[in-house]
């Protein structure tokens, strides 16, 4: 039973990415929750993955505006600053 709950870091990161694209089953959500509650590296990966996803969605919206080129560059800089800030 315990082996079914415990994920490897590789599986946890795959589920993290899958969770951004589609709804995970209850069991998969619980497995991911238990893993990330015990694994600092995967918890950080999840935070960074969600941040990158949000920023890219925001970037997609600004590309189609008249100031899209300028906004795009500003978002790229913001992404780098936030990622560097989380790594400290």
Protein backbone atom coordinates (compact mmCIF):
# COMPACT_ATOMS: atom_id res chain seq x y z
CA UNK A 1 0.00 0.00 0.00
CA UNK A 2 2.77 2.46 0.93
CA UNK A 3 4.60 1.91 -2.37
CA UNK A 4 1.48 2.99 -4.25
CA UNK A 5 1.47 6.29 -2.35
CA UNK A 6 5.17 7.08 -2.70
CA UNK A 7 6.24 8.49 -6.05
CA UNK A 8 9.70 8.92 -7.47
CA UNK A 9 10.79 12.50 -8.14
CA UNK A 10 10.64 11.81 -11.87
CA UNK A 11 7.03 10.64 -11.65
CA UNK A 12 6.15 13.61 -9.41
CA UNK A 13 7.53 16.10 -11.93
CA UNK A 14 5.68 14.35 -14.76
CA UNK A 15 2.44 14.59 -12.78
CA UNK A 16 3.14 18.24 -11.99
CA UNK A 17 3.40 19.02 -15.70
CA UNK A 18 0.39 16.87 -16.55
CA UNK A 19 -1.62 18.68 -13.86
CA UNK A 20 -1.03 21.98 -15.69
CA UNK A 21 -2.65 20.57 -18.83
CA UNK A 22 -5.45 18.37 -17.48
CA UNK A 23 -7.26 17.28 -14.34
CA UNK A 24 -5.52 14.51 -12.41
CA UNK A 25 -7.43 11.68 -10.79
CA UNK A 26 -8.00 11.88 -7.04
CA UNK A 27 -5.41 9.16 -6.41
CA UNK A 28 -2.78 10.92 -8.54
CA UNK A 29 -3.49 14.23 -6.80
CA UNK A 30 -3.03 12.60 -3.40
CA UNK A 31 0.18 10.87 -4.48
CA UNK A 32 1.56 14.17 -5.75
CA UNK A 33 0.45 15.97 -2.58
CA UNK A 34 2.17 13.42 -0.31
CA UNK A 35 5.35 13.48 -2.36
CA UNK A 36 5.62 17.27 -2.52
CA UNK A 37 4.84 17.60 1.17
CA UNK A 38 7.99 15.56 1.90
CA UNK A 39 10.26 16.52 -1.00
CA UNK A 40 11.58 20.08 -1.00
CA UNK A 41 13.07 19.79 -4.50
CA UNK A 42 9.77 18.72 -6.06
CA UNK A 43 7.89 21.36 -4.06
CA UNK A 44 10.23 24.02 -5.52
CA UNK A 45 9.85 22.51 -8.99
CA UNK A 46 6.06 22.71 -8.68
CA UNK A 47 6.19 26.37 -7.60
CA UNK A 48 8.52 27.27 -10.47
CA UNK A 49 6.46 25.31 -12.98
CA UNK A 50 3.27 27.11 -11.97
CA UNK A 51 5.05 30.47 -12.09
CA UNK A 52 6.40 29.82 -15.57
CA UNK A 53 2.99 28.67 -16.77
CA UNK A 54 1.29 31.83 -15.44
CA UNK A 55 3.93 34.09 -16.95
CA UNK A 56 3.78 32.43 -20.36
CA UNK A 57 -0.02 32.71 -20.40
CA UNK A 58 0.34 36.40 -19.58
CA UNK A 59 2.95 36.74 -22.32
CA UNK A 60 0.62 35.16 -24.88
CA UNK A 61 -1.97 37.82 -24.10
CA UNK A 62 0.47 40.72 -24.48
CA UNK A 63 2.03 39.59 -27.76
CA UNK A 64 -1.12 40.59 -29.65
CA UNK A 65 -1.14 44.14 -28.29
CA UNK A 66 0.42 47.19 -30.02
CA UNK A 67 3.16 47.26 -27.36
CA UNK A 68 3.59 43.50 -27.53
CA UNK A 69 7.30 43.53 -28.31
CA UNK A 70 8.09 45.80 -25.37
CA UNK A 71 5.79 43.85 -23.01
CA UNK A 72 7.32 40.58 -24.15
CA UNK A 73 10.82 41.72 -23.21
CA UNK A 74 9.60 43.00 -19.83
CA UNK A 75 7.93 39.64 -19.10
CA UNK A 76 11.09 37.75 -19.99
CA UNK A 77 13.02 39.89 -17.53
CA UNK A 78 10.34 39.37 -14.87
CA UNK A 79 10.50 35.59 -15.34
CA UNK A 80 14.26 35.59 -14.90
CA UNK A 81 14.11 37.81 -11.82
CA UNK A 82 11.46 35.67 -10.14
CA UNK A 83 13.25 32.41 -10.94
CA UNK A 84 16.52 33.79 -9.60
CA UNK A 85 14.73 34.98 -6.47
CA UNK A 86 13.30 31.51 -5.79
CA UNK A 87 16.68 29.82 -6.10
CA UNK A 88 18.19 31.77 -3.22
